[in-house]
Amino acid sequence: MRTHRSRKGYLLWTPPFWKAQQKISAFRKQTPLKDTTAASPIITWRSILARNTDEFCRNTTIHGLKYINSRKLLATDRIFFGLAFLAVLCIAGFLIHDSFEKWNTTPVIVGLNPEPTYITDEPFPAVTICNLNQALATKVRHITSDTTEYAMLQSLCHRNSDVSDDEDNHAKENNWEEFILNVSQPCGKMIIGCRFGADDYNCARVFYPVVTDEGLCCVFNMLHPRFMYKKIVPLSLRNIWSPNTFKAINWHAELGFGSIRRRTKLFYPRAASGTGESLGLSLILDVQANDYYCSSSNSIGFKIALHSPNESPNVRETGVLLAPGLETKLRIDPSMIMTEKYLRAVDRKYRRCLFHNEGNQRLRYFAHYTQRNCNMECLSRLLLKHCGCVGFYMPRINGNDTICSIYKSKCVDTVRLHTIEDTADSCGDDCLPSCFDLTFNSITFSAKITNDGFENTNPTVANYTHSYVERSIAVVNMYYKDETFRAKKQTEFIGISDFLSNVGGLMGLFLGFSFLSIAECVYFALIRPCRSCCELHRNRPVSTLELMMVKKVEFVEHIQQAKENEIARWFHSEYWQYHQQQLDNPV
């Protein structure tokens, strides 16, 4: 008869569990734990890099490395190839460095623009004419030698004066522009006849006065003052006459005329109408030799300067003399510089020029940057620094700058001529040339004027006597010879593609190196070692402790599975036995 026990105790002593215990013991005997760590080889980063380096040297396209790495060659042979490789590498490096310096420091080359520039698309030059006479004798007769006006007059004539130096005199000398306008020859008297583009004009309405380093001058075709200056407009330009039929536009060499050229022809600065003397600018000038007081030179006549319309004239240093009694043909020779816009990315110290927006940030008086305008402002700053004042014809950068008196003329001349010994001030580095610039040169031819013995074609000259014409009248004709001219163009000397081509050629010539060689270096130096490391980590031998943990888990799972199977079979057997007993012994 079967003894009744608790369910848990009964299960521990059932035959299925005893059989499971026997299977577990047999499993332990059949699968002993082994430590395989000691038997596995040790693989390190050093061995991986050595293997990849060897394979790289044997398969790369770079010349010489396979001989250096070859173990079949003698040590002396491998040293020979190593030295040869180093020598070639040094030579290639030197040449590449030279190519880099050329690309980095001289990126700009000046050549001719393949497209012609038409004179009708560019403005006619601004023309500034000055009488060498600094004052009319009839206007200065009343000035006595003990007045400030007399001292100013002597300074204007580059003479010395004995007037005392006091504050009242300095206050009066700040009115230089007004004084010069009162004593000088007006433009309407200087230019008695003008013709431009086959049309006659009232000269007083075309030319307007401007104070320059040559005193009072008359200028034609310069920008309107509201476009020429930022804040302070000179006294002589504040009330200039502007024709109602012509529209003033803001021209500069980089922008050009823009769309205004297509909308209307009535604008200024004016463009040339064509070539030849008939379509140029013709002027009749009266020097009024009988009314001379003093000359800025050693002669009687005029100075004329051709310049860009947005540039302040430099008549004293660059003007051309026109003698009375002569008719002068002045052939205009334009010169233009243009720059590729992608050179903006190049540092200005290497391209050695400034674009329009870069230059305007440096100026405080002029609204347009040119090298001449920049030099004028720079000279004013130097005068303020060393003399405490500026010349009467120079920009007043601060608006209220003091005009230099006659007693500081020596200081002004010293600064102007750059003869200061105790300073290294210079405008050269600050005032770089413009990247877009238009300049004008001239070729002159002269012949004697006469109105005696034949009919003169010019009625204005015919009204004067022969002696007056020879002494006071000058005729000048300015014109273009050709319809087009070739502008200079700044472009890249060595671009990035040229630099890479030079480097690739040198590396290929000396080493057999190419961009695919870079891929080889990256592969064998980075990709291949990383991949080997990952494979090594994935396939590395298992340690004893790790193996014991794995086996323990498998062992426990095996026991639980055996228990569940044996218990299920026992329960099924007991159930059918009990069911059969109930059928055999019914109640």
Protein backbone atom coordinates (compact mmCIF):
# COMPACT_ATOMS: atom_id res chain seq x y z
CA MET A 1 0.00 0.00 0.00
CA ARG A 2 1.37 3.42 -1.10
CA THR A 3 2.26 5.88 1.70
CA HIS A 4 0.69 9.32 1.46
CA ARG A 5 3.19 12.20 1.67
CA SER A 6 3.04 15.89 0.82
CA ARG A 7 3.21 16.77 -2.87
CA LYS A 8 6.63 18.39 -2.59
CA GLY A 9 8.21 15.60 -0.59
CA TYR A 10 6.68 12.98 -2.83
CA LEU A 11 8.15 14.53 -5.92
CA LEU A 12 11.64 14.50 -4.46
CA TRP A 13 11.59 10.76 -4.09
CA THR A 14 9.84 9.76 -7.26
CA PRO A 15 11.73 7.66 -9.84
CA PRO A 16 11.59 10.36 -12.58
CA PHE A 17 13.49 12.83 -10.45
CA TRP A 18 16.05 10.18 -9.49
CA LYS A 19 16.57 9.48 -13.18
CA ALA A 20 17.03 13.20 -13.86
CA GLN A 21 19.70 13.36 -11.18
CA GLN A 22 21.52 10.49 -12.86
CA LYS A 23 21.40 12.32 -16.26
CA ILE A 24 22.77 15.45 -14.70
CA SER A 25 25.71 13.58 -13.18
CA ALA A 26 26.42 11.92 -16.53
CA PHE A 27 26.29 15.36 -18.29
CA ARG A 28 28.85 16.73 -15.83
CA LYS A 29 31.22 13.81 -16.51
CA GLN A 30 30.86 14.04 -20.31
CA THR A 31 31.41 17.88 -20.59
CA PRO A 32 34.39 18.90 -18.48
CA LEU A 33 35.24 22.65 -18.42
CA LYS A 34 38.43 23.68 -20.28
CA ASP A 35 40.43 26.95 -20.20
CA THR A 36 41.49 27.85 -23.75
CA THR A 37 42.89 31.31 -22.99
CA ALA A 38 46.46 30.19 -22.42
CA ALA A 39 46.59 28.29 -25.71
CA SER A 40 45.43 31.26 -27.92
CA PRO A 41 48.02 33.54 -29.60
CA ILE A 42 48.30 37.23 -28.46
CA ILE A 43 47.38 39.72 -31.27
CA THR A 44 48.16 43.45 -30.61
CA TRP A 45 47.79 46.75 -32.44
CA ARG A 46 51.48 46.70 -33.19
CA SER A 47 51.23 43.39 -35.04
CA ILE A 48 48.17 44.59 -36.96
CA LEU A 49 49.94 47.82 -38.07
CA ALA A 50 53.08 45.90 -39.03
CA ARG A 51 51.08 43.51 -41.19
CA ASN A 52 49.14 46.36 -42.88
CA THR A 53 52.33 48.36 -43.47
CA ASP A 54 53.95 45.40 -45.13
CA GLU A 55 50.96 44.81 -47.38
CA PHE A 56 50.72 48.54 -48.22
CA CYS A 57 54.39 48.77 -49.25
CA ARG A 58 54.03 45.70 -51.48
CA ASN A 59 50.87 46.93 -53.28
CA THR A 60 51.01 50.77 -53.33
CA THR A 61 51.66 52.79 -56.49
CA ILE A 62 54.21 55.03 -54.71
CA HIS A 63 57.63 54.26 -56.13
CA GLY A 64 60.41 52.88 -53.96
CA LEU A 65 58.46 51.65 -50.92
CA LYS A 66 58.33 48.03 -52.06
CA TYR A 67 62.14 47.96 -52.34
CA ILE A 68 62.58 49.52 -48.92
CA ASN A 69 60.22 46.96 -47.35
CA SER A 70 61.47 43.92 -49.29
CA ARG A 71 63.28 41.35 -47.11
CA LYS A 72 64.80 39.69 -50.18
CA LEU A 73 67.15 42.64 -50.75
CA LEU A 74 70.32 43.27 -48.81
CA ALA A 75 70.31 45.90 -46.09
CA THR A 76 72.59 48.16 -48.12
CA ASP A 77 70.20 48.03 -51.07
CA ARG A 78 67.25 48.90 -48.86
CA ILE A 79 69.21 51.82 -47.36
CA PHE A 80 70.05 53.05 -50.88
CA PHE A 81 66.39 53.09 -51.89
CA GLY A 82 65.48 54.73 -48.58
CA LEU A 83 67.93 57.58 -49.13
CA ALA A 84 66.78 57.99 -52.72
CA PHE A 85 63.16 58.14 -51.54
CA LEU A 86 63.98 60.81 -48.94
CA ALA A 87 65.94 62.90 -51.47
CA VAL A 88 63.12 62.80 -54.00
CA LEU A 89 60.58 63.59 -51.29
CA CYS A 90 62.58 66.67 -50.19
CA ILE A 91 62.90 67.97 -53.75
CA ALA A 92 59.18 67.48 -54.38
CA GLY A 93 58.35 69.22 -51.09
CA PHE A 94 60.55 72.21 -51.98
CA LEU A 95 58.95 72.60 -55.41
CA ILE A 96 55.44 72.23 -53.97
CA HIS A 97 56.23 74.90 -51.37
CA ASP A 98 57.42 77.21 -54.13
CA SER A 99 54.21 76.59 -56.07
CA PHE A 100 52.15 77.26 -52.94
CA GLU A 101 53.92 80.56 -52.26
CA LYS A 102 53.33 81.68 -55.82
CA TRP A 103 49.66 80.76 -55.55
CA ASN A 104 49.26 82.39 -52.15
CA THR A 105 51.24 85.63 -52.55
CA THR A 106 50.89 86.51 -56.26
CA PRO A 107 47.36 85.47 -57.15
CA VAL A 108 46.70 88.30 -59.62
CA ILE A 109 47.97 88.86 -63.15
CA VAL A 110 47.11 91.83 -65.35
CA GLY A 111 46.26 91.16 -68.98
CA LEU A 112 44.20 92.70 -71.75
CA ASN A 113 40.44 92.37 -71.76
CA PRO A 114 39.52 90.34 -74.87
CA GLU A 115 36.34 92.41 -75.30
CA PRO A 116 36.79 95.98 -76.57
CA THR A 117 35.53 98.91 -74.50
CA TYR A 118 33.53 101.54 -76.42
CA ILE A 119 34.12 105.22 -75.65
CA THR A 120 30.35 105.82 -75.79
CA ASP A 121 29.92 103.44 -72.82
CA GLU A 122 32.33 105.40 -70.62
CA PRO A 123 32.24 109.07 -69.55
CA PHE A 124 34.18 111.77 -71.29
CA PRO A 125 37.05 112.84 -69.00
CA ALA A 126 36.47 115.53 -66.44
CA VAL A 127 38.41 118.62 -67.60
CA THR A 128 39.86 121.05 -65.05
CA ILE A 129 41.40 124.27 -66.43
CA CYS A 130 43.32 126.77 -64.30
CA ASN A 131 44.74 130.17 -65.17
CA LEU A 132 48.34 130.38 -64.00
CA ASN A 133 47.46 133.89 -62.84
CA GLN A 134 46.44 133.59 -59.18
CA ALA A 135 44.68 136.96 -58.97
CA LEU A 136 43.52 139.71 -61.29
CA ALA A 137 45.46 142.93 -60.88
CA THR A 138 42.29 145.03 -61.12
CA LYS A 139 40.78 143.15 -58.11
CA VAL A 140 43.73 143.43 -55.73
CA ARG A 141 44.84 147.03 -56.29
CA HIS A 142 42.96 148.25 -53.23
CA ILE A 143 44.63 145.74 -50.87
CA THR A 144 47.27 147.42 -48.72
CA SER A 145 50.42 145.75 -47.48
CA ASP A 146 49.47 145.88 -43.79
CA THR A 147 46.30 143.76 -44.05
CA THR A 148 45.59 140.08 -43.67
CA GLU A 149 44.23 139.97 -47.23
CA TYR A 150 47.62 141.08 -48.48
CA ALA A 151 49.31 138.26 -46.54
CA MET A 152 46.86 135.77 -48.01
CA LEU A 153 47.52 137.17 -51.48
CA GLN A 154 51.28 136.81 -51.05
CA SER A 155 50.80 133.24 -49.84
CA LEU A 156 48.66 132.53 -52.89
CA CYS A 157 51.49 133.87 -55.03
CA HIS A 158 54.07 131.81 -53.05
CA ARG A 159 55.74 134.94 -51.64
CA ASN A 160 56.76 135.91 -48.11
CA SER A 161 54.86 138.46 -46.03
CA ASP A 162 55.65 140.53 -42.92
CA VAL A 163 52.14 140.65 -41.48
CA SER A 164 51.99 139.93 -37.73
CA ASP A 165 50.75 136.59 -36.49
CA ASP A 166 47.65 137.12 -34.31
CA GLU A 167 44.27 135.51 -33.71
CA ASP A 168 42.33 138.01 -35.81
CA ASN A 169 44.47 137.21 -38.82
CA HIS A 170 43.92 133.48 -38.31
CA ALA A 171 40.17 134.01 -38.14
CA LYS A 172 40.19 135.88 -41.44
CA GLU A 173 42.46 133.31 -43.07
CA ASN A 174 39.85 130.61 -42.54
CA ASN A 175 37.89 132.29 -45.35
CA TRP A 176 40.38 131.22 -48.01
CA GLU A 177 37.78 129.97 -50.49
CA GLU A 178 35.80 133.18 -50.33
CA PHE A 179 38.96 135.25 -50.77
CA ILE A 180 40.12 133.21 -53.79
CA LEU A 181 36.69 133.47 -55.44
CA ASN A 182 36.78 137.24 -55.05
CA VAL A 183 40.26 137.90 -56.50
CA SER A 184 40.50 135.23 -59.24
CA GLN A 185 39.32 135.19 -62.82
CA PRO A 186 35.74 133.83 -63.09
CA CYS A 187 34.99 130.90 -65.39
CA GLY A 188 32.78 132.99 -67.66
CA LYS A 189 35.75 135.28 -68.41
CA MET A 190 38.29 132.48 -68.70
CA ILE A 191 36.33 130.27 -71.14
CA ILE A 192 34.81 132.42 -73.85
CA GLY A 193 33.80 129.67 -76.23
CA CYS A 194 32.93 125.96 -75.81
CA ARG A 195 31.54 123.27 -78.03
CA PHE A 196 30.89 119.64 -77.09
CA GLY A 197 29.62 116.89 -79.34
CA ALA A 198 28.93 119.29 -82.24
CA ASP A 199 26.73 121.48 -79.99
CA ASP A 200 27.55 124.96 -78.68
CA TYR A 201 27.01 125.67 -74.97
CA ASN A 202 27.06 128.61 -72.63
CA CYS A 203 30.44 128.10 -71.01
CA ALA A 204 29.40 129.58 -67.67
CA ARG A 205 26.66 126.94 -67.45
CA VAL A 206 28.89 124.01 -68.40
CA PHE A 207 31.99 124.85 -66.34
CA TYR A 208 31.79 125.65 -62.65
CA PRO A 209 34.48 126.95 -60.26
CA VAL A 210 36.46 124.68 -57.96
CA VAL A 211 39.35 125.54 -55.63
CA THR A 212 42.40 123.34 -56.22
CA ASP A 213 46.11 123.42 -55.45
CA GLU A 214 46.44 125.84 -58.40
CA GLY A 215 43.93 128.31 -56.97
CA LEU A 216 40.58 128.85 -58.64
CA CYS A 217 39.96 126.53 -61.60
CA CYS A 218 36.99 125.63 -63.80
CA VAL A 219 35.84 122.03 -64.14
CA PHE A 220 33.69 120.25 -66.72
CA ASN A 221 31.93 116.87 -66.50
CA MET A 222 32.71 116.15 -62.85
CA LEU A 223 30.19 114.44 -60.57
CA HIS A 224 27.53 116.54 -58.93
CA PRO A 225 28.66 117.60 -55.41
CA ARG A 226 25.90 115.57 -53.73
CA PHE A 227 27.48 112.44 -55.22
CA MET A 228 31.08 113.60 -54.91
CA TYR A 229 31.21 114.39 -51.19
CA LYS A 230 29.77 112.75 -48.09
CA LYS A 231 28.94 115.70 -45.80
CA ILE A 232 30.95 118.88 -46.26
CA VAL A 233 30.62 120.50 -49.71
CA PRO A 234 33.21 123.15 -50.64
CA LEU A 235 31.97 126.73 -50.76
CA SER A 236 32.68 127.05 -54.50
CA LEU A 237 30.41 124.05 -55.25
CA ARG A 238 27.42 124.76 -53.03
CA ASN A 239 25.42 126.74 -55.58
CA ILE A 240 26.43 125.25 -58.90
CA TRP A 241 24.02 125.53 -61.78
CA SER A 242 22.45 122.29 -62.96
CA PRO A 243 20.66 122.24 -66.34
CA ASN A 244 17.06 121.08 -66.10
CA THR A 245 17.34 118.98 -69.22
CA PHE A 246 20.28 116.93 -67.88
CA LYS A 247 20.07 114.49 -65.01
CA ALA A 248 23.01 114.08 -62.62
CA ILE A 249 23.88 110.43 -61.97
CA ASN A 250 26.17 108.71 -59.50
CA TRP A 251 28.84 107.18 -61.75
CA HIS A 252 31.90 105.20 -60.76
CA ALA A 253 34.12 102.83 -62.73
CA GLU A 254 32.85 99.62 -61.11
CA LEU A 255 29.14 100.39 -61.54
CA GLY A 256 29.32 102.34 -64.80
CA PHE A 257 26.28 104.14 -66.15
CA GLY A 258 23.98 101.21 -65.40
CA SER A 259 20.49 101.26 -66.86
CA ILE A 260 20.39 105.08 -67.16
CA ARG A 261 22.38 104.78 -70.38
CA ARG A 262 19.45 103.01 -72.07
CA ARG A 263 16.70 105.27 -70.70
CA THR A 264 18.02 108.70 -71.67
CA LYS A 265 20.98 110.44 -73.26
CA LEU A 266 20.58 113.66 -71.28
CA PHE A 267 22.72 112.96 -68.23
CA TYR A 268 26.09 113.89 -66.80
CA PRO A 269 28.88 113.02 -66.46
CA ARG A 270 28.50 113.11 -70.22
CA ALA A 271 29.70 110.35 -72.50
CA ALA A 272 31.53 111.00 -75.76
CA SER A 273 29.36 111.28 -78.85
CA GLY A 274 31.99 109.84 -81.14
CA THR A 275 35.52 110.18 -82.42
CA GLY A 276 37.34 113.08 -83.95
CA GLU A 277 37.66 116.77 -83.24
CA SER A 278 34.12 117.59 -84.41
CA LEU A 279 32.54 115.37 -81.70
CA GLY A 280 35.01 116.24 -78.96
CA LEU A 281 35.36 119.23 -76.63
CA SER A 282 36.60 122.48 -78.18
CA LEU A 283 37.40 125.50 -75.98
CA ILE A 284 38.53 129.07 -76.52
CA LEU A 285 40.39 130.44 -73.50
CA ASP A 286 41.24 134.03 -72.59
CA VAL A 287 44.19 134.35 -70.21
CA GLN A 288 43.77 138.15 -69.85
CA ALA A 289 47.51 138.69 -69.87
CA ASN A 290 47.09 142.46 -69.36
CA ASP A 291 45.47 141.81 -65.97
CA TYR A 292 48.15 139.46 -64.59
CA TYR A 293 49.22 139.92 -60.97
CA CYS A 294 51.27 136.78 -60.21
CA SER A 295 51.76 133.37 -61.73
CA SER A 296 52.02 129.99 -60.03
CA SER A 297 54.65 129.09 -62.60
CA ASN A 298 57.26 130.88 -64.66
CA SER A 299 55.00 131.59 -67.60
CA ILE A 300 51.67 132.97 -68.77
CA GLY A 301 48.95 130.57 -69.82
CA PHE A 302 46.81 127.75 -68.50
CA LYS A 303 47.12 124.37 -66.90
CA ILE A 304 44.70 121.65 -67.90
CA ALA A 305 44.17 118.26 -66.24
CA LEU A 306 42.12 115.31 -67.48
CA HIS A 307 40.84 113.02 -64.74
CA SER A 308 38.06 110.64 -63.82
CA PRO A 309 34.71 112.36 -63.10
CA ASN A 310 34.64 111.02 -59.52
CA GLU A 311 38.19 112.12 -58.72
CA SER A 312 39.58 115.29 -57.20
CA PRO A 313 41.91 117.02 -59.70
CA ASN A 314 45.65 117.24 -59.13
CA VAL A 315 46.43 120.16 -61.39
CA ARG A 316 49.72 121.35 -59.91
CA GLU A 317 51.53 118.05 -60.32
CA THR A 318 49.86 116.50 -63.39
CA GLY A 319 48.47 119.44 -65.38
CA VAL A 320 49.50 120.14 -68.97
CA LEU A 321 50.49 123.68 -69.97
CA LEU A 322 48.55 125.55 -72.66
CA ALA A 323 50.28 128.60 -74.04
CA PRO A 324 48.35 131.61 -75.37
CA GLY A 325 48.66 132.29 -79.07
CA LEU A 326 48.60 128.55 -79.86
CA GLU A 327 45.92 126.11 -80.96
CA THR A 328 46.44 122.78 -79.20
CA LYS A 329 45.14 119.42 -80.33
CA LEU A 330 44.82 117.17 -77.32
CA ARG A 331 44.23 113.53 -78.26
CA ILE A 332 42.71 111.56 -75.38
CA ASP A 333 44.20 108.18 -74.59
CA PRO A 334 41.93 106.37 -72.05
CA SER A 335 43.23 103.67 -69.76
CA MET A 336 40.92 101.43 -67.77
CA ILE A 337 41.58 98.69 -65.23
CA MET A 338 38.99 96.00 -64.49
CA THR A 339 39.05 93.13 -61.98
CA GLU A 340 37.31 89.78 -61.90
CA LYS A 341 34.75 89.86 -59.11
CA TYR A 342 35.78 86.47 -57.70
CA LEU A 343 39.07 88.13 -56.66
CA ARG A 344 37.13 89.65 -53.75
CA ALA A 345 37.89 86.40 -51.92
CA VAL A 346 41.64 87.10 -52.24
CA ASP A 347 43.20 89.09 -49.42
CA ARG A 348 43.67 92.75 -50.38
CA LYS A 349 47.36 92.73 -49.43
CA TYR A 350 47.91 90.15 -52.17
CA ARG A 351 45.62 91.52 -54.88
CA ARG A 352 46.88 95.07 -54.12
CA CYS A 353 43.66 96.87 -54.98
CA LEU A 354 40.37 97.86 -53.35
CA PHE A 355 36.83 97.40 -54.63
CA HIS A 356 34.41 100.32 -54.45
CA ASN A 357 32.63 99.28 -51.24
CA GLU A 358 35.93 98.44 -49.51
CA GLY A 359 37.46 101.82 -50.34
CA ASN A 360 34.42 103.89 -49.37
CA GLN A 361 34.67 102.60 -45.81
CA ARG A 362 38.11 104.21 -45.54
CA LEU A 363 37.06 107.70 -46.68
CA ARG A 364 35.31 110.33 -44.57
CA TYR A 365 35.21 113.29 -46.96
CA PHE A 366 34.87 111.88 -50.48
CA ALA A 367 31.97 109.59 -51.36
CA HIS A 368 33.95 107.71 -54.02
CA TYR A 369 37.17 105.85 -53.49
CA THR A 370 40.03 106.46 -55.88
CA GLN A 371 43.71 106.44 -55.08
CA ARG A 372 43.89 110.19 -55.67
CA ASN A 373 40.96 110.90 -53.30
CA CYS A 374 42.48 108.65 -50.67
CA ASN A 375 45.85 110.39 -50.94
CA MET A 376 44.13 113.76 -50.49
CA GLU A 377 42.47 112.65 -47.25
CA CYS A 378 45.67 110.99 -46.06
CA LEU A 379 47.62 114.20 -46.64
CA SER A 380 45.00 116.15 -44.68
CA ARG A 381 45.38 113.74 -41.75
CA LEU A 382 49.15 114.15 -41.83
CA LEU A 383 48.83 117.94 -41.84
CA LEU A 384 46.45 117.82 -38.89
CA LYS A 385 48.87 115.57 -37.05
CA HIS A 386 52.06 117.58 -37.64
CA CYS A 387 50.84 121.11 -38.34
CA GLY A 388 47.45 121.23 -36.64
CA CYS A 389 45.73 122.51 -39.77
CA VAL A 390 44.98 121.72 -43.43
CA GLY A 391 45.59 123.50 -46.72
CA PHE A 392 42.82 125.63 -48.16
CA TYR A 393 42.32 123.22 -51.09
CA MET A 394 42.44 120.03 -48.99
CA PRO A 395 39.55 118.02 -47.52
CA ARG A 396 38.29 119.13 -44.14
CA ILE A 397 37.78 115.69 -42.69
CA ASN A 398 36.27 116.85 -39.41
CA GLY A 399 34.28 119.72 -40.92
CA ASN A 400 35.69 122.39 -38.59
CA ASP A 401 39.40 121.85 -39.30
CA THR A 402 41.52 125.01 -39.20
CA ILE A 403 43.03 126.34 -42.40
CA CYS A 404 46.80 126.68 -42.25
CA SER A 405 48.00 130.26 -42.07
CA ILE A 406 50.87 131.64 -44.11
CA TYR A 407 53.15 131.18 -41.12
CA LYS A 408 52.78 127.42 -41.37
CA SER A 409 53.53 127.26 -45.07
CA LYS A 410 56.93 125.71 -44.36
CA CYS A 411 55.33 122.92 -42.31
CA VAL A 412 52.73 122.37 -45.03
CA ASP A 413 55.39 122.09 -47.75
CA THR A 414 57.47 119.75 -45.60
CA VAL A 415 54.54 117.36 -45.07
CA ARG A 416 53.37 117.65 -48.66
CA LEU A 417 56.80 116.79 -50.02
CA HIS A 418 57.29 113.95 -47.48
CA THR A 419 60.48 115.38 -46.03
CA ILE A 420 59.62 114.79 -42.37
CA GLU A 421 62.50 112.89 -40.80
CA ASP A 422 61.01 111.96 -37.43
CA THR A 423 58.06 109.95 -38.74
CA ALA A 424 57.48 107.00 -41.02
CA ASP A 425 54.03 108.18 -42.09
CA SER A 426 53.13 107.11 -45.59
CA CYS A 427 49.93 106.90 -47.58
CA GLY A 428 51.13 104.13 -49.86
CA ASP A 429 49.91 101.20 -47.78
CA ASP A 430 46.59 102.84 -46.91
CA CYS A 431 45.74 104.10 -50.39
CA LEU A 432 45.85 101.11 -52.70
CA PRO A 433 44.77 101.49 -56.34
CA SER A 434 41.13 100.91 -57.23
CA CYS A 435 40.21 97.51 -58.61
CA PHE A 436 38.08 99.38 -61.18
CA ASP A 437 39.61 102.62 -62.37
CA LEU A 438 39.45 104.94 -65.37
CA THR A 439 42.29 107.34 -66.16
CA PHE A 440 43.10 109.56 -69.11
CA ASN A 441 46.39 110.40 -70.74
CA SER A 442 46.86 112.89 -73.54
CA ILE A 443 49.01 113.45 -76.60
CA THR A 444 49.34 117.12 -77.54
CA PHE A 445 50.08 118.93 -80.79
CA SER A 446 50.25 122.71 -81.11
CA ALA A 447 50.29 125.34 -83.84
CA LYS A 448 50.33 129.12 -83.84
CA ILE A 449 47.03 131.01 -84.00
CA THR A 450 46.59 133.86 -86.45
CA ASN A 451 43.69 135.90 -87.75
CA ASP A 452 45.65 138.07 -90.14
CA GLY A 453 45.67 137.76 -93.90
CA PHE A 454 42.85 135.20 -94.39
CA GLU A 455 39.33 134.51 -93.20
CA ASN A 456 39.28 132.74 -89.84
CA THR A 457 36.77 129.96 -89.39
CA ASN A 458 36.28 130.78 -85.72
CA PRO A 459 34.22 133.98 -85.36
CA THR A 460 35.09 134.35 -81.65
CA VAL A 461 38.81 134.61 -82.41
CA ALA A 462 38.15 136.84 -85.39
CA ASN A 463 36.69 139.53 -83.12
CA TYR A 464 40.06 140.08 -81.40
CA THR A 465 43.06 141.91 -82.72
CA HIS A 466 46.07 139.98 -83.91
CA SER A 467 48.25 141.19 -81.02
CA TYR A 468 45.61 140.26 -78.41
CA VAL A 469 45.21 136.79 -79.89
CA GLU A 470 48.93 136.16 -79.78
CA ARG A 471 49.20 137.35 -76.19
CA SER A 472 46.00 136.13 -74.51
CA ILE A 473 43.92 133.64 -76.57
CA ALA A 474 44.43 129.87 -76.51
CA VAL A 475 42.38 127.28 -78.39
CA VAL A 476 42.25 123.64 -77.34
CA ASN A 477 40.47 120.69 -78.96
CA MET A 478 40.11 117.43 -76.98
CA TYR A 479 38.91 114.29 -78.77
CA TYR A 480 39.17 110.54 -79.08
CA LYS A 481 40.95 108.96 -81.99
CA ASP A 482 39.34 105.50 -81.89
CA GLU A 483 35.88 104.26 -81.02
CA THR A 484 37.18 101.46 -78.81
CA PHE A 485 40.14 100.78 -76.58
CA ARG A 486 41.50 97.75 -74.76
CA ALA A 487 41.05 97.79 -71.01
CA LYS A 488 43.41 95.99 -68.66
CA LYS A 489 41.91 93.13 -66.70
CA GLN A 490 43.09 91.61 -63.43
CA THR A 491 42.48 87.87 -63.26
CA GLU A 492 43.76 84.91 -61.28
CA PHE A 493 47.40 84.12 -61.94
CA ILE A 494 47.24 80.66 -60.36
CA GLY A 495 43.81 79.32 -59.42
CA ILE A 496 43.02 76.36 -57.20
CA SER A 497 42.80 74.04 -60.22
CA ASP A 498 46.19 75.25 -61.50
CA PHE A 499 47.72 74.80 -58.04
CA LEU A 500 46.37 71.24 -57.70
CA SER A 501 47.59 70.44 -61.21
CA ASN A 502 51.09 71.65 -60.31
CA VAL A 503 51.12 69.66 -57.08
CA GLY A 504 49.77 66.55 -58.79
CA GLY A 505 52.30 66.82 -61.57
CA LEU A 506 55.22 67.17 -59.16
CA MET A 507 54.06 64.31 -56.94
CA GLY A 508 53.44 62.10 -59.95
CA LEU A 509 56.79 62.97 -61.51
CA PHE A 510 58.89 62.35 -58.39
CA LEU A 511 56.90 59.73 -56.46
CA GLY A 512 54.22 58.26 -58.69
CA PHE A 513 51.72 59.70 -56.20
CA SER A 514 48.06 60.32 -57.07
CA PHE A 515 44.79 60.93 -55.25
CA LEU A 516 44.15 57.19 -55.32
CA SER A 517 47.34 56.82 -53.30
CA ILE A 518 45.69 58.94 -50.61
CA ALA A 519 42.82 56.43 -50.57
CA GLU A 520 45.35 53.63 -50.15
CA CYS A 521 46.98 55.39 -47.21
CA VAL A 522 43.63 55.97 -45.51
CA TYR A 523 42.58 52.37 -46.07
CA PHE A 524 45.73 50.72 -44.73
CA ALA A 525 46.26 53.24 -41.92
CA LEU A 526 42.69 53.52 -40.59
CA ILE A 527 40.03 51.32 -42.17
CA ARG A 528 41.98 48.05 -42.29
CA PRO A 529 43.30 48.20 -38.68
CA CYS A 530 39.86 49.07 -37.31
CA ARG A 531 38.27 46.20 -39.20
CA SER A 532 40.96 43.77 -37.97
CA CYS A 533 40.40 44.94 -34.42
CA CYS A 534 36.66 44.34 -34.70
CA GLU A 535 37.17 40.83 -36.11
CA LEU A 536 39.70 40.05 -33.37
CA HIS A 537 37.28 41.16 -30.71
CA ARG A 538 34.47 39.10 -32.21
CA ASN A 539 36.52 35.86 -32.62
CA ARG A 540 38.71 35.99 -29.55
CA PRO A 541 38.94 32.76 -27.33
CA VAL A 542 36.64 32.43 -24.29
CA SER A 543 38.13 32.53 -20.81
CA THR A 544 37.46 29.85 -18.11
CA LEU A 545 35.23 32.07 -16.06
CA GLU A 546 33.10 32.99 -19.07
CA LEU A 547 32.88 29.35 -20.12
CA MET A 548 31.81 28.28 -16.58
CA MET A 549 29.07 30.91 -16.56
CA VAL A 550 27.76 29.74 -19.94
CA LYS A 551 27.82 26.09 -18.89
CA LYS A 552 26.10 26.90 -15.61
CA VAL A 553 23.25 28.59 -17.39
CA GLU A 554 22.90 25.68 -19.85
CA PHE A 555 23.03 23.20 -16.94
CA VAL A 556 20.25 24.91 -14.99
CA GLU A 557 18.07 25.15 -18.07
CA HIS A 558 18.65 21.43 -18.78
CA ILE A 559 17.64 20.46 -15.21
CA GLN A 560 14.48 22.51 -15.33
CA GLN A 561 13.51 21.00 -18.69
CA ALA A 562 14.16 17.46 -17.39
CA LYS A 563 12.09 18.11 -14.27
CA GLU A 564 9.19 19.42 -16.26
CA ASN A 565 9.26 16.44 -18.67
CA GLU A 566 9.50 13.75 -15.92
CA ILE A 567 6.78 15.36 -13.79
CA ALA A 568 4.46 15.60 -16.75
CA ARG A 569 4.94 11.93 -17.62
CA TRP A 570 4.46 10.86 -13.95
CA PHE A 571 1.30 12.85 -13.56
CA HIS A 572 -0.14 11.40 -16.75
CA SER A 573 0.61 7.84 -15.59
CA GLU A 574 -0.86 8.36 -12.13
CA TYR A 575 -3.98 9.89 -13.57
CA TRP A 576 -4.71 6.93 -15.85
CA GLN A 577 -4.04 4.44 -13.06
CA TYR A 578 -6.52 6.24 -10.81
CA HIS A 579 -9.04 6.39 -13.64
CA GLN A 580 -8.64 2.68 -14.30
CA GLN A 581 -9.21 1.84 -10.60
CA GLN A 582 -12.43 3.77 -10.64
CA LEU A 583 -13.61 1.76 -13.62
CA ASP A 584 -12.66 -1.58 -12.02
CA ASN A 585 -14.24 -0.82 -8.62
CA PRO A 586 -17.42 1.14 -9.25
CA VAL A 587 -19.45 2.10 -6.19
